[in-house]
């Protein structure tokens, strides 16, 4: 994955009705460990990583790079939204396009936070890089992620087999800048 090529990061916090999207901070480290060690969160992502390994490897301020947004609810991290350039080695169709990813704590699933946060991140993206398409990949078995992709306006580009399961690659067409 490559970064988005932005000159400044992080942006001013992005506020929605219930959430704040902001750059990662040291206080978020334990939640990053929880997300990456969670069997539920990683069911469709190749499985959880060992907690002791994560504790050793994750830096004091995790995931601090352009396109990495912490999702904050009432002052506490509940998820992570990612926007990076897709590498060509995985899916040539996605190569060079911005790719949306997200992880949320299981305790907040079903509350609409992922849709709210991802929509806000995509709106922000449209403002800073207008006219650029965004892709999203997920396992077809991940029903919640498939629903979210449709809600966010992604349409199917292709299905493919990877990691022993059928995968889905969707595209969100670029928003045409006004003018």
Protein backbone atom coordinates (compact mmCIF):
# COMPACT_ATOMS: atom_id res chain seq x y z
CA UNK A 1 0.00 0.00 0.00
CA UNK A 2 1.11 3.52 -0.76
CA UNK A 3 0.03 6.67 0.99
CA UNK A 4 -2.39 9.10 -0.58
CA UNK A 5 0.22 11.72 -1.41
CA UNK A 6 -1.22 14.39 0.86
CA UNK A 7 0.95 17.31 1.86
CA UNK A 8 -0.52 17.79 5.33
CA UNK A 9 -1.69 15.26 7.89
CA UNK A 10 -3.69 14.84 9.99
CA UNK A 11 -6.61 17.00 8.92
CA UNK A 12 -8.64 19.01 11.36
CA UNK A 13 -10.88 16.57 13.22
CA UNK A 14 -13.83 15.48 11.09
CA UNK A 15 -17.05 15.72 13.07
CA UNK A 16 -20.28 13.87 12.41
CA UNK A 17 -23.48 13.83 14.42
CA UNK A 18 -22.03 11.31 16.93
CA UNK A 19 -18.36 10.82 16.08
CA UNK A 20 -15.02 12.53 15.65
CA UNK A 21 -12.48 11.22 13.13
CA UNK A 22 -8.95 12.28 14.02
CA UNK A 23 -5.34 11.26 13.74
CA UNK A 24 -4.10 8.44 16.00
CA UNK A 25 -2.63 9.31 19.41
CA UNK A 26 -0.69 7.38 22.04
CA UNK A 27 -3.88 6.91 24.10
CA UNK A 28 -5.32 4.79 21.25
CA UNK A 29 -2.60 2.12 21.35
CA UNK A 30 -4.48 -0.35 23.58
CA UNK A 31 -7.55 -0.21 21.31
CA UNK A 32 -5.39 -0.92 18.26
CA UNK A 33 -4.07 -3.98 20.10
CA UNK A 34 -7.65 -5.01 20.96
CA UNK A 35 -8.77 -4.61 17.33
CA UNK A 36 -5.90 -6.61 15.85
CA UNK A 37 -6.06 -9.34 18.53
CA UNK A 38 -9.84 -9.79 18.34
CA UNK A 39 -11.06 -13.06 16.80
CA UNK A 40 -14.42 -11.41 15.99
CA UNK A 41 -12.89 -8.39 14.24
CA UNK A 42 -10.50 -10.55 12.25
CA UNK A 43 -12.88 -13.37 11.26
CA UNK A 44 -12.71 -12.31 7.60
CA UNK A 45 -9.21 -10.80 7.72
CA UNK A 46 -7.03 -13.85 8.18
CA UNK A 47 -7.54 -14.27 11.92
CA UNK A 48 -6.31 -12.42 14.99
CA UNK A 49 -2.68 -11.73 15.77
CA UNK A 50 -1.23 -12.79 19.13
CA UNK A 51 -1.68 -10.05 21.73
CA UNK A 52 1.88 -10.39 23.10
CA UNK A 53 3.29 -9.96 19.58
CA UNK A 54 1.17 -6.85 19.04
CA UNK A 55 2.24 -5.39 22.39
CA UNK A 56 5.89 -5.72 21.29
CA UNK A 57 5.44 -4.47 17.73
CA UNK A 58 2.90 -1.64 17.79
CA UNK A 59 4.59 1.74 18.26
CA UNK A 60 3.60 4.20 20.97
CA UNK A 61 1.50 6.14 18.42
CA UNK A 62 0.10 3.46 16.09
CA UNK A 63 -0.90 3.84 12.44
CA UNK A 64 0.27 7.44 12.20
CA UNK A 65 0.28 8.01 8.45
CA UNK A 66 -1.83 9.93 5.95
CA UNK A 67 -5.20 8.25 5.49
CA UNK A 68 -5.35 6.71 8.98
CA UNK A 69 -8.28 8.02 11.01
CA UNK A 70 -9.27 7.02 14.53
CA UNK A 71 -13.02 6.91 15.09
CA UNK A 72 -13.76 8.50 18.44
CA UNK A 73 -17.05 8.28 20.35
CA UNK A 74 -17.35 10.45 23.45
CA UNK A 75 -13.58 10.73 23.80
CA UNK A 76 -12.74 7.04 23.31
CA UNK A 77 -11.55 5.16 20.23
CA UNK A 78 -14.11 2.68 18.88
CA UNK A 79 -12.68 2.04 15.42
CA UNK A 80 -10.23 2.84 12.67
CA UNK A 81 -10.91 4.00 9.11
CA UNK A 82 -8.14 3.61 6.53
CA UNK A 83 -7.63 5.24 3.16
CA UNK A 84 -4.50 4.12 1.27
CA UNK A 85 -3.53 3.53 -2.34
CA UNK A 86 -4.08 -0.08 -3.33
CA UNK A 87 -1.00 -1.98 -4.48
CA UNK A 88 -1.14 -3.79 -7.81
CA UNK A 89 0.14 -7.10 -6.49
CA UNK A 90 -3.18 -8.11 -4.94
CA UNK A 91 -5.76 -7.02 -7.52
CA UNK A 92 -4.61 -5.30 -10.71
CA UNK A 93 -8.09 -3.77 -11.09
CA UNK A 94 -7.54 -1.86 -7.83
CA UNK A 95 -3.93 -0.81 -8.45
CA UNK A 96 -3.26 2.85 -7.74
CA UNK A 97 -6.80 3.60 -6.59
CA UNK A 98 -7.58 4.73 -3.07
CA UNK A 99 -8.83 1.83 -0.95
CA UNK A 100 -11.15 2.13 2.03
CA UNK A 101 -10.74 -0.16 5.01
CA UNK A 102 -12.20 -0.14 8.50
CA UNK A 103 -12.09 -1.97 11.82
CA UNK A 104 -14.54 -1.46 14.69
CA UNK A 105 -14.79 -2.94 18.16
CA UNK A 106 -17.47 -5.67 18.30
CA UNK A 107 -19.31 -3.87 21.11
CA UNK A 108 -20.29 -1.07 18.68
CA UNK A 109 -21.32 -3.25 15.73
CA UNK A 110 -24.86 -2.68 14.55
CA UNK A 111 -25.05 0.94 15.79
CA UNK A 112 -24.38 2.59 12.42
CA UNK A 113 -21.00 3.98 13.49
CA UNK A 114 -19.09 2.32 10.62
CA UNK A 115 -21.45 3.79 8.03
CA UNK A 116 -21.31 7.23 9.65
CA UNK A 117 -17.50 7.22 9.97
CA UNK A 118 -16.80 5.80 6.50
CA UNK A 119 -19.23 8.24 4.86
CA UNK A 120 -17.51 11.15 6.65
CA UNK A 121 -14.06 9.88 5.62
CA UNK A 122 -15.21 9.53 2.00
CA UNK A 123 -16.70 13.04 2.04
CA UNK A 124 -13.40 14.37 3.37
CA UNK A 125 -11.51 12.40 0.69
CA UNK A 126 -13.73 13.85 -2.04
CA UNK A 127 -12.82 17.32 -0.80
CA UNK A 128 -9.04 16.83 -0.76
CA UNK A 129 -8.68 14.55 -3.78
CA UNK A 130 -11.72 15.32 -5.95
CA UNK A 131 -12.46 13.08 -8.89
CA UNK A 132 -10.62 10.03 -7.51
CA UNK A 133 -12.31 6.62 -7.37
CA UNK A 134 -12.20 4.50 -4.21
CA UNK A 135 -12.22 0.70 -3.99
CA UNK A 136 -13.19 -1.61 -1.16
CA UNK A 137 -12.43 -5.32 -0.85
CA UNK A 138 -14.17 -7.74 1.49
CA UNK A 139 -15.05 -11.40 1.73
CA UNK A 140 -18.48 -12.15 0.31
CA UNK A 141 -19.21 -14.10 3.50
CA UNK A 142 -18.88 -10.87 5.50
CA UNK A 143 -22.53 -9.89 5.20
CA UNK A 144 -22.19 -6.75 7.33
CA UNK A 145 -19.31 -5.43 5.26
CA UNK A 146 -21.15 -6.21 2.03
CA UNK A 147 -24.19 -4.23 3.31
CA UNK A 148 -21.96 -1.34 4.33
CA UNK A 149 -20.27 -1.28 0.91
CA UNK A 150 -23.68 -1.02 -0.79
CA UNK A 151 -24.84 1.68 1.62
CA UNK A 152 -21.68 3.71 0.85
CA UNK A 153 -22.31 3.47 -2.90
CA UNK A 154 -19.78 0.82 -3.89
CA UNK A 155 -20.70 -1.38 -6.86
CA UNK A 156 -19.13 -4.67 -7.81
CA UNK A 157 -16.08 -4.64 -10.04
CA UNK A 158 -15.17 -8.28 -9.63
CA UNK A 159 -15.13 -11.33 -7.43
CA UNK A 160 -12.01 -13.36 -6.91
CA UNK A 161 -10.62 -16.15 -4.80
CA UNK A 162 -8.00 -15.29 -2.17
CA UNK A 163 -7.01 -16.62 1.22
CA UNK A 164 -9.27 -19.63 0.71
CA UNK A 165 -12.47 -17.61 0.31
CA UNK A 166 -14.45 -15.66 -2.27
CA UNK A 167 -13.61 -11.94 -2.17
CA UNK A 168 -15.56 -8.97 -3.51
CA UNK A 169 -14.02 -5.84 -4.96
CA UNK A 170 -16.25 -2.81 -5.22
CA UNK A 171 -15.78 0.64 -6.72
CA UNK A 172 -17.19 3.96 -5.59
CA UNK A 173 -17.14 6.16 -8.65
CA UNK A 174 -15.42 9.49 -8.25
CA UNK A 175 -17.53 12.43 -7.24
CA UNK A 176 -17.28 15.04 -9.96
CA UNK A 177 -15.99 18.30 -8.54
CA UNK A 178 -18.33 21.25 -9.03
CA UNK A 179 -17.36 23.80 -11.60
